[in-house]
Protein backbone atom coordinates (compact mmCIF):
# COMPACT_ATOMS: atom_id res chain seq x y z
CA UNK A 1 0.00 0.00 0.00
CA UNK A 2 2.89 2.35 0.72
CA UNK A 3 4.32 2.32 -2.84
CA UNK A 4 1.00 3.38 -4.34
CA UNK A 5 0.65 6.30 -1.90
CA UNK A 6 4.15 7.55 -2.65
CA UNK A 7 3.53 7.22 -6.40
CA UNK A 8 0.27 9.15 -6.06
CA UNK A 9 2.06 11.84 -4.03
CA UNK A 10 4.78 12.09 -6.70
CA UNK A 11 2.15 12.53 -9.44
CA UNK A 12 0.39 15.28 -7.45
CA UNK A 13 3.69 17.10 -6.85
CA UNK A 14 4.63 16.79 -10.53
CA UNK A 15 1.25 18.11 -11.72
CA UNK A 16 1.39 21.02 -9.29
CA UNK A 17 4.86 21.95 -10.53
CA UNK A 18 3.75 21.68 -14.15
CA UNK A 19 0.77 23.97 -13.53
CA UNK A 20 3.00 26.51 -11.76
CA UNK A 21 5.41 26.46 -14.72
CA UNK A 22 2.53 27.03 -17.16
CA UNK A 23 1.32 30.03 -15.14
CA UNK A 24 4.84 31.45 -15.05
CA UNK A 25 5.33 31.16 -18.82
CA UNK A 26 1.75 32.16 -19.70
CA UNK A 27 2.17 35.70 -18.40
CA UNK A 28 2.38 38.29 -21.15
CA UNK A 29 5.75 40.04 -21.39
CA UNK A 30 5.77 43.79 -20.94
CA UNK A 31 5.64 45.99 -24.03
CA UNK A 32 3.75 43.54 -26.24
CA UNK A 33 0.50 44.62 -27.80
CA UNK A 34 -2.09 42.23 -29.24
CA UNK A 35 -2.20 41.95 -33.01
CA UNK A 36 -5.12 43.64 -34.69
CA UNK A 37 -7.24 41.11 -36.53
CA UNK A 38 -7.95 42.35 -40.01
CA UNK A 39 -11.47 41.67 -41.22
CA UNK A 40 -12.35 41.33 -44.91
CA UNK A 41 -14.27 44.05 -46.71
CA UNK A 42 -17.57 42.73 -48.07
CA UNK A 43 -19.31 44.37 -51.02
CA UNK A 44 -22.75 43.23 -52.21
CA UNK A 45 -23.59 44.06 -55.83
CA UNK A 46 -26.81 43.32 -57.73
CA UNK A 47 -26.04 42.27 -61.33
CA UNK A 48 -29.23 41.61 -63.26
CA UNK A 49 -31.16 39.04 -61.26
CA UNK A 50 -28.02 37.72 -59.53
CA UNK A 51 -26.52 38.95 -56.29
CA UNK A 52 -22.72 39.01 -56.17
CA UNK A 53 -20.90 39.28 -52.85
CA UNK A 54 -17.22 40.26 -53.14
CA UNK A 55 -14.72 39.57 -50.35
CA UNK A 56 -11.52 41.65 -50.25
CA UNK A 57 -8.60 41.55 -47.86
CA UNK A 58 -6.12 44.44 -47.93
CA UNK A 59 -7.82 45.66 -51.12
CA UNK A 60 -7.31 42.38 -53.01
CA UNK A 61 -10.34 40.42 -54.23
CA UNK A 62 -9.95 36.79 -53.11
CA UNK A 63 -13.47 35.30 -53.12
CA UNK A 64 -16.82 35.94 -54.82
CA UNK A 65 -20.17 34.46 -53.82
CA UNK A 66 -22.72 34.34 -56.62
CA UNK A 67 -26.38 33.91 -55.66
CA UNK A 68 -28.61 33.40 -58.72
CA UNK A 69 -32.26 34.37 -58.42
CA UNK A 70 -33.45 30.85 -59.23
CA UNK A 71 -30.67 28.51 -58.09
CA UNK A 72 -28.20 27.56 -55.40
CA UNK A 73 -25.39 29.96 -54.58
CA UNK A 74 -21.76 29.09 -55.31
CA UNK A 75 -18.33 30.52 -54.58
CA UNK A 76 -15.47 31.49 -56.90
CA UNK A 77 -12.09 31.46 -55.14
CA UNK A 78 -8.71 32.77 -56.26
CA UNK A 79 -6.62 30.19 -54.41
CA UNK A 80 -3.15 31.32 -55.47
CA UNK A 81 -3.78 35.03 -55.96
CA UNK A 82 -2.93 34.92 -59.67
CA UNK A 83 -6.42 35.71 -61.02
CA UNK A 84 -7.25 32.09 -61.86
CA UNK A 85 -10.73 31.62 -60.38
CA UNK A 86 -11.93 28.15 -59.32
CA UNK A 87 -15.53 27.31 -58.53
CA UNK A 88 -15.85 26.03 -54.99
CA UNK A 89 -19.12 24.22 -54.26
CA UNK A 90 -20.15 22.32 -51.17
CA UNK A 91 -19.61 19.04 -53.09
CA UNK A 92 -16.17 20.13 -54.31
CA UNK A 93 -14.32 17.92 -51.83
CA UNK A 94 -16.54 14.92 -52.31
CA UNK A 95 -14.39 11.82 -52.37
CA UNK A 96 -15.98 8.82 -54.06
CA UNK A 97 -14.69 5.46 -52.75
CA UNK A 98 -13.02 3.42 -55.50
CA UNK A 99 -12.05 0.11 -53.96
CA UNK A 100 -11.17 -2.89 -56.09
CA UNK A 101 -13.60 -5.63 -55.11
CA UNK A 102 -12.56 -8.24 -57.63
CA UNK A 103 -10.04 -8.44 -60.39
CA UNK A 104 -9.02 -11.12 -62.81
PDB file of N, CA and C in Angstrom:
ATOM      1  N   UNK A   1       0.816  -1.186   0.000  1.00  0.00           N
ATOM      2  CA  UNK A   1       0.000   0.000   0.000  1.00  0.00           C
ATOM      3  C   UNK A   1       0.868   1.261   0.000  1.00  0.00           C
ATOM      4  N   UNK A   2       2.019   1.198   0.645  1.00  0.00           N
ATOM      5  CA  UNK A   2       2.885   2.353   0.719  1.00  0.00           C
ATOM      6  C   UNK A   2       3.436   2.790  -0.643  1.00  0.00           C
ATOM      7  N   UNK A   3       3.812   1.866  -1.549  1.00  0.00           N
ATOM      8  CA  UNK A   3       4.324   2.325  -2.842  1.00  0.00           C
ATOM      9  C   UNK A   3       3.276   3.084  -3.654  1.00  0.00           C
ATOM     10  N   UNK A   4       2.014   2.685  -3.563  1.00  0.00           N
ATOM     11  CA  UNK A   4       1.003   3.380  -4.342  1.00  0.00           C
ATOM     12  C   UNK A   4       0.734   4.784  -3.795  1.00  0.00           C
ATOM     13  N   UNK A   5       0.836   4.967  -2.469  1.00  0.00           N
ATOM     14  CA  UNK A   5       0.654   6.297  -1.897  1.00  0.00           C
ATOM     15  C   UNK A   5       1.803   7.214  -2.280  1.00  0.00           C
ATOM     16  N   UNK A   6       3.022   6.698  -2.280  1.00  0.00           N
ATOM     17  CA  UNK A   6       4.153   7.548  -2.648  1.00  0.00           C
ATOM     18  C   UNK A   6       4.110   7.880  -4.145  1.00  0.00           C
ATOM     19  N   UNK A   7       3.649   6.946  -4.970  1.00  0.00           N
ATOM     20  CA  UNK A   7       3.535   7.222  -6.399  1.00  0.00           C
ATOM     21  C   UNK A   7       2.455   8.273  -6.648  1.00  0.00           C
ATOM     22  N   UNK A   8       1.345   8.182  -5.916  1.00  0.00           N
ATOM     23  CA  UNK A   8       0.271   9.154  -6.064  1.00  0.00           C
ATOM     24  C   UNK A   8       0.753  10.536  -5.610  1.00  0.00           C
ATOM     25  N   UNK A   9       1.522  10.570  -4.516  1.00  0.00           N
ATOM     26  CA  UNK A   9       2.059  11.836  -4.032  1.00  0.00           C
ATOM     27  C   UNK A   9       3.021  12.444  -5.058  1.00  0.00           C
ATOM     28  N   UNK A  10       3.834  11.611  -5.687  1.00  0.00           N
ATOM     29  CA  UNK A  10       4.780  12.092  -6.701  1.00  0.00           C
ATOM     30  C   UNK A  10       4.036  12.669  -7.908  1.00  0.00           C
ATOM     31  N   UNK A  11       2.938  12.031  -8.308  1.00  0.00           N
ATOM     32  CA  UNK A  11       2.146  12.526  -9.437  1.00  0.00           C
ATOM     33  C   UNK A  11       1.527  13.873  -9.094  1.00  0.00           C
ATOM     34  N   UNK A  12       0.997  14.015  -7.870  1.00  0.00           N
ATOM     35  CA  UNK A  12       0.392  15.279  -7.451  1.00  0.00           C
ATOM     36  C   UNK A  12       1.438  16.388  -7.425  1.00  0.00           C
ATOM     37  N   UNK A  13       2.629  16.099  -6.902  1.00  0.00           N
ATOM     38  CA  UNK A  13       3.689  17.105  -6.852  1.00  0.00           C
ATOM     39  C   UNK A  13       4.112  17.497  -8.269  1.00  0.00           C
ATOM     40  N   UNK A  14       4.237  16.508  -9.159  1.00  0.00           N
ATOM     41  CA  UNK A  14       4.635  16.790 -10.535  1.00  0.00           C
ATOM     42  C   UNK A  14       3.599  17.667 -11.231  1.00  0.00           C
ATOM     43  N   UNK A  15       2.311  17.332 -11.080  1.00  0.00           N
ATOM     44  CA  UNK A  15       1.248  18.111 -11.724  1.00  0.00           C
ATOM     45  C   UNK A  15       1.191  19.529 -11.179  1.00  0.00           C
ATOM     46  N   UNK A  16       1.391  19.686  -9.884  1.00  0.00           N
ATOM     47  CA  UNK A  16       1.393  21.016  -9.289  1.00  0.00           C
ATOM     48  C   UNK A  16       2.543  21.848  -9.828  1.00  0.00           C
ATOM     49  N   UNK A  17       3.711  21.246  -9.962  1.00  0.00           N
ATOM     50  CA  UNK A  17       4.865  21.946 -10.525  1.00  0.00           C
ATOM     51  C   UNK A  17       4.640  22.313 -11.984  1.00  0.00           C
ATOM     52  N   UNK A  18       4.018  21.405 -12.744  1.00  0.00           N
ATOM     53  CA  UNK A  18       3.752  21.676 -14.155  1.00  0.00           C
ATOM     54  C   UNK A  18       2.767  22.834 -14.309  1.00  0.00           C
ATOM     55  N   UNK A  19       1.741  22.875 -13.461  1.00  0.00           N
ATOM     56  CA  UNK A  19       0.774  23.972 -13.528  1.00  0.00           C
ATOM     57  C   UNK A  19       1.427  25.294 -13.143  1.00  0.00           C
ATOM     58  N   UNK A  20       2.309  25.279 -12.158  1.00  0.00           N
ATOM     59  CA  UNK A  20       3.000  26.505 -11.760  1.00  0.00           C
ATOM     60  C   UNK A  20       3.903  26.999 -12.893  1.00  0.00           C
ATOM     61  N   UNK A  21       4.555  26.078 -13.598  1.00  0.00           N
ATOM     62  CA  UNK A  21       5.407  26.460 -14.723  1.00  0.00           C
ATOM     63  C   UNK A  21       4.572  27.059 -15.853  1.00  0.00           C
ATOM     64  N   UNK A  22       3.401  26.481 -16.111  1.00  0.00           N
ATOM     65  CA  UNK A  22       2.530  27.027 -17.156  1.00  0.00           C
ATOM     66  C   UNK A  22       2.080  28.448 -16.806  1.00  0.00           C
ATOM     67  N   UNK A  23       1.733  28.685 -15.556  1.00  0.00           N
ATOM     68  CA  UNK A  23       1.321  30.026 -15.145  1.00  0.00           C
ATOM     69  C   UNK A  23       2.472  31.022 -15.269  1.00  0.00           C
ATOM     70  N   UNK A  24       3.682  30.581 -14.965  1.00  0.00           N
ATOM     71  CA  UNK A  24       4.839  31.454 -15.051  1.00  0.00           C
ATOM     72  C   UNK A  24       5.112  31.852 -16.493  1.00  0.00           C
ATOM     73  N   UNK A  25       5.041  30.883 -17.421  1.00  0.00           N
ATOM     74  CA  UNK A  25       5.332  31.163 -18.817  1.00  0.00           C
ATOM     75  C   UNK A  25       4.135  31.767 -19.562  1.00  0.00           C
ATOM     76  N   UNK A  26       2.934  31.658 -19.022  1.00  0.00           N
ATOM     77  CA  UNK A  26       1.747  32.161 -19.702  1.00  0.00           C
ATOM     78  C   UNK A  26       1.563  33.659 -19.512  1.00  0.00           C
ATOM     79  N   UNK A  27       2.315  34.268 -18.613  1.00  0.00           N
ATOM     80  CA  UNK A  27       2.167  35.701 -18.399  1.00  0.00           C
ATOM     81  C   UNK A  27       2.699  36.456 -19.606  1.00  0.00           C
ATOM     82  N   UNK A  28       2.010  37.505 -19.976  1.00  0.00           N
ATOM     83  CA  UNK A  28       2.376  38.289 -21.155  1.00  0.00           C
ATOM     84  C   UNK A  28       3.549  39.199 -20.811  1.00  0.00           C
ATOM     85  N   UNK A  29       4.599  39.145 -21.635  1.00  0.00           N
ATOM     86  CA  UNK A  29       5.749  40.035 -21.387  1.00  0.00           C
ATOM     87  C   UNK A  29       5.338  41.498 -21.550  1.00  0.00           C
ATOM     88  N   UNK A  30       6.067  42.359 -20.882  1.00  0.00           N
ATOM     89  CA  UNK A  30       5.765  43.788 -20.941  1.00  0.00           C
ATOM     90  C   UNK A  30       6.118  44.345 -22.319  1.00  0.00           C
ATOM     91  N   UNK A  31       5.349  45.321 -22.774  1.00  0.00           N
ATOM     92  CA  UNK A  31       5.637  45.989 -24.026  1.00  0.00           C
ATOM     93  C   UNK A  31       5.020  45.336 -25.252  1.00  0.00           C
ATOM     94  N   UNK A  32       4.390  44.193 -25.101  1.00  0.00           N
ATOM     95  CA  UNK A  32       3.753  43.537 -26.242  1.00  0.00           C
ATOM     96  C   UNK A  32       2.305  43.991 -26.349  1.00  0.00           C
ATOM     97  N   UNK A  33       1.882  44.253 -27.563  1.00  0.00           N
ATOM     98  CA  UNK A  33       0.495  44.619 -27.801  1.00  0.00           C
ATOM     99  C   UNK A  33      -0.159  43.534 -28.636  1.00  0.00           C
ATOM    100  N   UNK A  34      -1.434  43.256 -28.426  1.00  0.00           N
ATOM    101  CA  UNK A  34      -2.088  42.227 -29.238  1.00  0.00           C
ATOM    102  C   UNK A  34      -2.184  42.659 -30.696  1.00  0.00           C
ATOM    103  N   UNK A  35      -2.087  41.671 -31.590  1.00  0.00           N
ATOM    104  CA  UNK A  35      -2.203  41.954 -33.014  1.00  0.00           C
ATOM    105  C   UNK A  35      -3.636  42.316 -33.362  1.00  0.00           C
ATOM    106  N   UNK A  36      -3.784  43.280 -34.248  1.00  0.00           N
ATOM    107  CA  UNK A  36      -5.123  43.638 -34.692  1.00  0.00           C
ATOM    108  C   UNK A  36      -5.558  42.641 -35.752  1.00  0.00           C
ATOM    109  N   UNK A  37      -6.719  42.076 -35.566  1.00  0.00           N
ATOM    110  CA  UNK A  37      -7.244  41.112 -36.527  1.00  0.00           C
ATOM    111  C   UNK A  37      -7.908  41.877 -37.663  1.00  0.00           C
ATOM    112  N   UNK A  38      -7.421  41.639 -38.865  1.00  0.00           N
ATOM    113  CA  UNK A  38      -7.951  42.355 -40.008  1.00  0.00           C
ATOM    114  C   UNK A  38      -9.153  41.596 -40.571  1.00  0.00           C
ATOM    115  N   UNK A  39     -10.254  42.281 -40.701  1.00  0.00           N
ATOM    116  CA  UNK A  39     -11.469  41.670 -41.222  1.00  0.00           C
ATOM    117  C   UNK A  39     -11.604  41.989 -42.712  1.00  0.00           C
ATOM    118  N   UNK A  40     -12.189  41.064 -43.478  1.00  0.00           N
ATOM    119  CA  UNK A  40     -12.349  41.332 -44.907  1.00  0.00           C
ATOM    120  C   UNK A  40     -13.425  42.379 -45.162  1.00  0.00           C
ATOM    121  N   UNK A  41     -13.252  43.103 -46.265  1.00  0.00           N
ATOM    122  CA  UNK A  41     -14.270  44.045 -46.712  1.00  0.00           C
ATOM    123  C   UNK A  41     -15.254  43.270 -47.579  1.00  0.00           C
ATOM    124  N   UNK A  42     -16.531  43.444 -47.332  1.00  0.00           N
ATOM    125  CA  UNK A  42     -17.569  42.731 -48.073  1.00  0.00           C
ATOM    126  C   UNK A  42     -18.396  43.748 -48.847  1.00  0.00           C
ATOM    127  N   UNK A  43     -18.519  43.502 -50.157  1.00  0.00           N
ATOM    128  CA  UNK A  43     -19.308  44.370 -51.024  1.00  0.00           C
ATOM    129  C   UNK A  43     -20.381  43.526 -51.697  1.00  0.00           C
ATOM    130  N   UNK A  44     -21.637  43.952 -51.593  1.00  0.00           N
ATOM    131  CA  UNK A  44     -22.747  43.228 -52.215  1.00  0.00           C
ATOM    132  C   UNK A  44     -23.229  44.037 -53.412  1.00  0.00           C
ATOM    133  N   UNK A  45     -23.218  43.395 -54.586  1.00  0.00           N
ATOM    134  CA  UNK A  45     -23.593  44.058 -55.834  1.00  0.00           C
ATOM    135  C   UNK A  45     -24.718  43.266 -56.481  1.00  0.00           C
ATOM    136  N   UNK A  46     -25.705  43.950 -57.003  1.00  0.00           N
ATOM    137  CA  UNK A  46     -26.810  43.316 -57.726  1.00  0.00           C
ATOM    138  C   UNK A  46     -26.505  43.430 -59.213  1.00  0.00           C
ATOM    139  N   UNK A  47     -26.320  42.288 -59.897  1.00  0.00           N
ATOM    140  CA  UNK A  47     -26.042  42.268 -61.335  1.00  0.00           C
ATOM    141  C   UNK A  47     -27.168  41.509 -62.031  1.00  0.00           C
ATOM    142  N   UNK A  48     -28.054  42.241 -62.642  1.00  0.00           N
ATOM    143  CA  UNK A  48     -29.227  41.611 -63.255  1.00  0.00           C
ATOM    144  C   UNK A  48     -30.106  41.020 -62.171  1.00  0.00           C
ATOM    145  N   UNK A  49     -30.385  39.735 -62.291  1.00  0.00           N
ATOM    146  CA  UNK A  49     -31.163  39.041 -61.262  1.00  0.00           C
ATOM    147  C   UNK A  49     -30.278  38.374 -60.227  1.00  0.00           C
ATOM    148  N   UNK A  50     -28.963  38.378 -60.439  1.00  0.00           N
ATOM    149  CA  UNK A  50     -28.023  37.715 -59.531  1.00  0.00           C
ATOM    150  C   UNK A  50     -27.498  38.704 -58.489  1.00  0.00           C
ATOM    151  N   UNK A  51     -27.170  38.163 -57.331  1.00  0.00           N
ATOM    152  CA  UNK A  51     -26.521  38.946 -56.286  1.00  0.00           C
ATOM    153  C   UNK A  51     -25.092  38.443 -56.153  1.00  0.00           C
ATOM    154  N   UNK A  52     -24.135  39.352 -56.257  1.00  0.00           N
ATOM    155  CA  UNK A  52     -22.718  39.005 -56.174  1.00  0.00           C
ATOM    156  C   UNK A  52     -22.141  39.638 -54.917  1.00  0.00           C
ATOM    157  N   UNK A  53     -21.543  38.802 -54.067  1.00  0.00           N
ATOM    158  CA  UNK A  53     -20.902  39.277 -52.849  1.00  0.00           C
ATOM    159  C   UNK A  53     -19.398  39.142 -53.027  1.00  0.00           C
ATOM    160  N   UNK A  54     -18.669  40.262 -52.944  1.00  0.00           N
ATOM    161  CA  UNK A  54     -17.222  40.263 -53.138  1.00  0.00           C
ATOM    162  C   UNK A  54     -16.526  40.383 -51.785  1.00  0.00           C
ATOM    163  N   UNK A  55     -15.495  39.558 -51.583  1.00  0.00           N
ATOM    164  CA  UNK A  55     -14.721  39.570 -50.353  1.00  0.00           C
ATOM    165  C   UNK A  55     -13.303  40.029 -50.682  1.00  0.00           C
ATOM    166  N   UNK A  56     -12.861  41.100 -50.021  1.00  0.00           N
ATOM    167  CA  UNK A  56     -11.522  41.654 -50.248  1.00  0.00           C
ATOM    168  C   UNK A  56     -10.767  41.714 -48.924  1.00  0.00           C
ATOM    169  N   UNK A  57      -9.478  41.433 -49.010  1.00  0.00           N
ATOM    170  CA  UNK A  57      -8.600  41.551 -47.855  1.00  0.00           C
ATOM    171  C   UNK A  57      -7.400  42.378 -48.279  1.00  0.00           C
ATOM    172  N   UNK A  58      -7.171  43.478 -47.584  1.00  0.00           N
ATOM    173  CA  UNK A  58      -6.118  44.437 -47.935  1.00  0.00           C
ATOM    174  C   UNK A  58      -6.277  44.939 -49.364  1.00  0.00           C
ATOM    175  N   UNK A  59      -7.528  45.122 -49.797  1.00  0.00           N
ATOM    176  CA  UNK A  59      -7.818  45.657 -51.122  1.00  0.00           C
ATOM    177  C   UNK A  59      -7.772  44.643 -52.249  1.00  0.00           C
ATOM    178  N   UNK A  60      -7.413  43.392 -51.963  1.00  0.00           N
ATOM    179  CA  UNK A  60      -7.306  42.378 -53.009  1.00  0.00           C
ATOM    180  C   UNK A  60      -8.518  41.453 -52.960  1.00  0.00           C
ATOM    181  N   UNK A  61      -9.174  41.294 -54.116  1.00  0.00           N
ATOM    182  CA  UNK A  61     -10.340  40.421 -54.226  1.00  0.00           C
ATOM    183  C   UNK A  61      -9.882  38.973 -54.193  1.00  0.00           C
ATOM    184  N   UNK A  62     -10.379  38.181 -53.220  1.00  0.00           N
ATOM    185  CA  UNK A  62      -9.948  36.789 -53.105  1.00  0.00           C
ATOM    186  C   UNK A  62     -11.095  35.785 -53.197  1.00  0.00           C
ATOM    187  N   UNK A  63     -12.348  36.226 -53.055  1.00  0.00           N
ATOM    188  CA  UNK A  63     -13.469  35.297 -53.120  1.00  0.00           C
ATOM    189  C   UNK A  63     -14.716  36.052 -53.554  1.00  0.00           C
ATOM    190  N   UNK A  64     -15.552  35.373 -54.351  1.00  0.00           N
ATOM    191  CA  UNK A  64     -16.815  35.941 -54.817  1.00  0.00           C
ATOM    192  C   UNK A  64     -17.900  34.899 -54.585  1.00  0.00           C
ATOM    193  N   UNK A  65     -19.006  35.334 -53.993  1.00  0.00           N
ATOM    194  CA  UNK A  65     -20.170  34.461 -53.816  1.00  0.00           C
ATOM    195  C   UNK A  65     -21.243  34.933 -54.787  1.00  0.00           C
ATOM    196  N   UNK A  66     -21.693  34.015 -55.636  1.00  0.00           N
ATOM    197  CA  UNK A  66     -22.725  34.340 -56.620  1.00  0.00           C
ATOM    198  C   UNK A  66     -24.015  33.660 -56.182  1.00  0.00           C
ATOM    199  N   UNK A  67     -25.081  34.449 -56.046  1.00  0.00           N
ATOM    200  CA  UNK A  67     -26.379  33.913 -55.658  1.00  0.00           C
ATOM    201  C   UNK A  67     -27.362  34.205 -56.787  1.00  0.00           C
ATOM    202  N   UNK A  68     -27.631  33.186 -57.644  1.00  0.00           N
ATOM    203  CA  UNK A  68     -28.606  33.396 -58.716  1.00  0.00           C
ATOM    204  C   UNK A  68     -30.012  33.531 -58.143  1.00  0.00           C
ATOM    205  N   UNK A  69     -30.892  34.161 -58.904  1.00  0.00           N
ATOM    206  CA  UNK A  69     -32.259  34.366 -58.418  1.00  0.00           C
ATOM    207  C   UNK A  69     -33.046  33.062 -58.372  1.00  0.00           C
ATOM    208  N   UNK A  70     -32.668  32.088 -59.190  1.00  0.00           N
ATOM    209  CA  UNK A  70     -33.450  30.848 -59.233  1.00  0.00           C
ATOM    210  C   UNK A  70     -32.594  29.596 -59.044  1.00  0.00           C
ATOM    211  N   UNK A  71     -31.516  29.684 -58.286  1.00  0.00           N
ATOM    212  CA  UNK A  71     -30.671  28.506 -58.094  1.00  0.00           C
ATOM    213  C   UNK A  71     -29.881  28.601 -56.804  1.00  0.00           C
ATOM    214  N   UNK A  72     -29.029  27.605 -56.600  1.00  0.00           N
ATOM    215  CA  UNK A  72     -28.196  27.565 -55.402  1.00  0.00           C
ATOM    216  C   UNK A  72     -26.975  28.467 -55.581  1.00  0.00           C
ATOM    217  N   UNK A  73     -26.550  29.081 -54.502  1.00  0.00           N
ATOM    218  CA  UNK A  73     -25.387  29.955 -54.577  1.00  0.00           C
ATOM    219  C   UNK A  73     -24.108  29.133 -54.655  1.00  0.00           C
ATOM    220  N   UNK A  74     -23.058  29.748 -55.206  1.00  0.00           N
ATOM    221  CA  UNK A  74     -21.763  29.088 -55.312  1.00  0.00           C
ATOM    222  C   UNK A  74     -20.669  30.122 -55.106  1.00  0.00           C
ATOM    223  N   UNK A  75     -19.474  29.649 -54.845  1.00  0.00           N
ATOM    224  CA  UNK A  75     -18.334  30.519 -54.582  1.00  0.00           C
ATOM    225  C   UNK A  75     -17.292  30.374 -55.681  1.00  0.00           C
ATOM    226  N   UNK A  76     -16.632  31.474 -56.015  1.00  0.00           N
ATOM    227  CA  UNK A  76     -15.472  31.487 -56.897  1.00  0.00           C
ATOM    228  C   UNK A  76     -14.300  31.971 -56.042  1.00  0.00           C
ATOM    229  N   UNK A  77     -13.220  31.174 -56.021  1.00  0.00           N
ATOM    230  CA  UNK A  77     -12.093  31.462 -55.144  1.00  0.00           C
ATOM    231  C   UNK A  77     -10.816  31.583 -55.967  1.00  0.00           C
ATOM    232  N   UNK A  78     -10.039  32.602 -55.672  1.00  0.00           N
ATOM    233  CA  UNK A  78      -8.710  32.773 -56.259  1.00  0.00           C
ATOM    234  C   UNK A  78      -7.722  32.192 -55.261  1.00  0.00           C
ATOM    235  N   UNK A  79      -7.387  30.905 -55.420  1.00  0.00           N
ATOM    236  CA  UNK A  79      -6.616  30.188 -54.414  1.00  0.00           C
ATOM    237  C   UNK A  79      -5.163  30.615 -54.342  1.00  0.00           C
ATOM    238  N   UNK A  80      -4.568  30.978 -55.464  1.00  0.00           N
ATOM    239  CA  UNK A  80      -3.148  31.321 -55.471  1.00  0.00           C
ATOM    240  C   UNK A  80      -2.895  32.812 -55.630  1.00  0.00           C
ATOM    241  N   UNK A  81      -3.936  33.599 -55.816  1.00  0.00           N
ATOM    242  CA  UNK A  81      -3.777  35.031 -55.961  1.00  0.00           C
ATOM    243  C   UNK A  81      -3.289  35.466 -57.328  1.00  0.00           C
ATOM    244  N   UNK A  82      -3.425  34.589 -58.336  1.00  0.00           N
ATOM    245  CA  UNK A  82      -2.934  34.922 -59.671  1.00  0.00           C
ATOM    246  C   UNK A  82      -4.063  35.257 -60.645  1.00  0.00           C
ATOM    247  N   UNK A  83      -5.290  35.377 -60.161  1.00  0.00           N
ATOM    248  CA  UNK A  83      -6.415  35.711 -61.024  1.00  0.00           C
ATOM    249  C   UNK A  83      -7.083  34.507 -61.658  1.00  0.00           C
ATOM    250  N   UNK A  84      -6.634  33.305 -61.333  1.00  0.00           N
ATOM    251  CA  UNK A  84      -7.253  32.085 -61.859  1.00  0.00           C
ATOM    252  C   UNK A  84      -8.338  31.661 -60.874  1.00  0.00           C
ATOM    253  N   UNK A  85      -9.597  31.861 -61.267  1.00  0.00           N
ATOM    254  CA  UNK A  85     -10.726  31.616 -60.377  1.00  0.00           C
ATOM    255  C   UNK A  85     -11.201  30.179 -60.511  1.00  0.00           C
ATOM    256  N   UNK A  86     -11.464  29.537 -59.370  1.00  0.00           N
ATOM    257  CA  UNK A  86     -11.930  28.150 -59.317  1.00  0.00           C
ATOM    258  C   UNK A  86     -13.264  28.136 -58.589  1.00  0.00           C
ATOM    259  N   UNK A  87     -14.229  27.418 -59.170  1.00  0.00           N
ATOM    260  CA  UNK A  87     -15.534  27.313 -58.528  1.00  0.00           C
ATOM    261  C   UNK A  87     -15.425  26.370 -57.343  1.00  0.00           C
ATOM    262  N   UNK A  88     -15.925  26.807 -56.216  1.00  0.00           N
ATOM    263  CA  UNK A  88     -15.855  26.028 -54.991  1.00  0.00           C
ATOM    264  C   UNK A  88     -17.274  25.794 -54.488  1.00  0.00           C
ATOM    265  N   UNK A  89     -17.781  24.585 -54.719  1.00  0.00           N
ATOM    266  CA  UNK A  89     -19.118  24.219 -54.258  1.00  0.00           C
ATOM    267  C   UNK A  89     -19.012  23.420 -52.972  1.00  0.00           C
ATOM    268  N   UNK A  90     -20.156  23.137 -52.385  1.00  0.00           N
ATOM    269  CA  UNK A  90     -20.152  22.319 -51.172  1.00  0.00           C
ATOM    270  C   UNK A  90     -19.743  20.885 -51.483  1.00  0.00           C
ATOM    271  N   UNK A  91     -19.975  20.399 -52.713  1.00  0.00           N
ATOM    272  CA  UNK A  91     -19.609  19.044 -53.092  1.00  0.00           C
ATOM    273  C   UNK A  91     -18.219  18.970 -53.711  1.00  0.00           C
ATOM    274  N   UNK A  92     -17.477  20.069 -53.663  1.00  0.00           N
ATOM    275  CA  UNK A  92     -16.173  20.131 -54.310  1.00  0.00           C
ATOM    276  C   UNK A  92     -15.201  19.089 -53.747  1.00  0.00           C
ATOM    277  N   UNK A  93     -15.250  18.834 -52.463  1.00  0.00           N
ATOM    278  CA  UNK A  93     -14.317  17.925 -51.832  1.00  0.00           C
ATOM    279  C   UNK A  93     -14.933  16.550 -51.605  1.00  0.00           C
ATOM    280  N   UNK A  94     -15.900  16.204 -52.417  1.00  0.00           N
ATOM    281  CA  UNK A  94     -16.535  14.917 -52.313  1.00  0.00           C
ATOM    282  C   UNK A  94     -15.586  13.850 -52.820  1.00  0.00           C
ATOM    283  N   UNK A  95     -15.305  12.883 -52.002  1.00  0.00           N
ATOM    284  CA  UNK A  95     -14.391  11.816 -52.369  1.00  0.00           C
ATOM    285  C   UNK A  95     -15.203  10.531 -52.538  1.00  0.00           C
ATOM    286  N   UNK A  96     -15.227  10.028 -53.755  1.00  0.00           N
ATOM    287  CA  UNK A  96     -15.984   8.816 -54.056  1.00  0.00           C
ATOM    288  C   UNK A  96     -15.093   7.616 -53.807  1.00  0.00           C
ATOM    289  N   UNK A  97     -15.524   6.640 -52.986  1.00  0.00           N
ATOM    290  CA  UNK A  97     -14.688   5.464 -52.754  1.00  0.00           C
ATOM    291  C   UNK A  97     -14.538   4.636 -54.019  1.00  0.00           C
ATOM    292  N   UNK A  98     -13.317   4.223 -54.324  1.00  0.00           N
ATOM    293  CA  UNK A  98     -13.023   3.424 -55.498  1.00  0.00           C
ATOM    294  C   UNK A  98     -12.172   2.221 -55.104  1.00  0.00           C
ATOM    295  N   UNK A  99     -12.774   1.291 -54.383  1.00  0.00           N
ATOM    296  CA  UNK A  99     -12.049   0.111 -53.955  1.00  0.00           C
ATOM    297  C   UNK A  99     -12.168  -0.967 -55.023  1.00  0.00           C
ATOM    298  N   UNK A 100     -11.131  -1.740 -55.186  1.00  0.00           N
ATOM    299  CA  UNK A 100     -11.168  -2.886 -56.095  1.00  0.00           C
ATOM    300  C   UNK A 100     -11.770  -4.054 -55.331  1.00  0.00           C
ATOM    301  N   UNK A 101     -12.935  -4.520 -55.790  1.00  0.00           N
ATOM    302  CA  UNK A 101     -13.600  -5.626 -55.114  1.00  0.00           C
ATOM    303  C   UNK A 101     -13.151  -6.970 -55.701  1.00  0.00           C
ATOM    304  N   UNK A 102     -13.053  -7.001 -56.987  1.00  0.00           N
ATOM    305  CA  UNK A 102     -12.565  -8.236 -57.634  1.00  0.00           C
ATOM    306  C   UNK A 102     -11.720  -7.843 -58.843  1.00  0.00           C
ATOM    307  N   UNK A 103     -10.816  -8.652 -59.169  1.00  0.00           N
ATOM    308  CA  UNK A 103     -10.035  -8.438 -60.389  1.00  0.00           C
ATOM    309  C   UNK A 103      -9.627  -9.800 -60.923  1.00  0.00           C
ATOM    310  N   UNK A 104      -9.477  -9.881 -62.235  1.00  0.00           N
ATOM    311  CA  UNK A 104      -9.022 -11.124 -62.811  1.00  0.00           C
ATOM    312  C   UNK A 104      -7.893 -10.923 -63.760  1.00  0.00           C
TER     313      UNK A 104
END
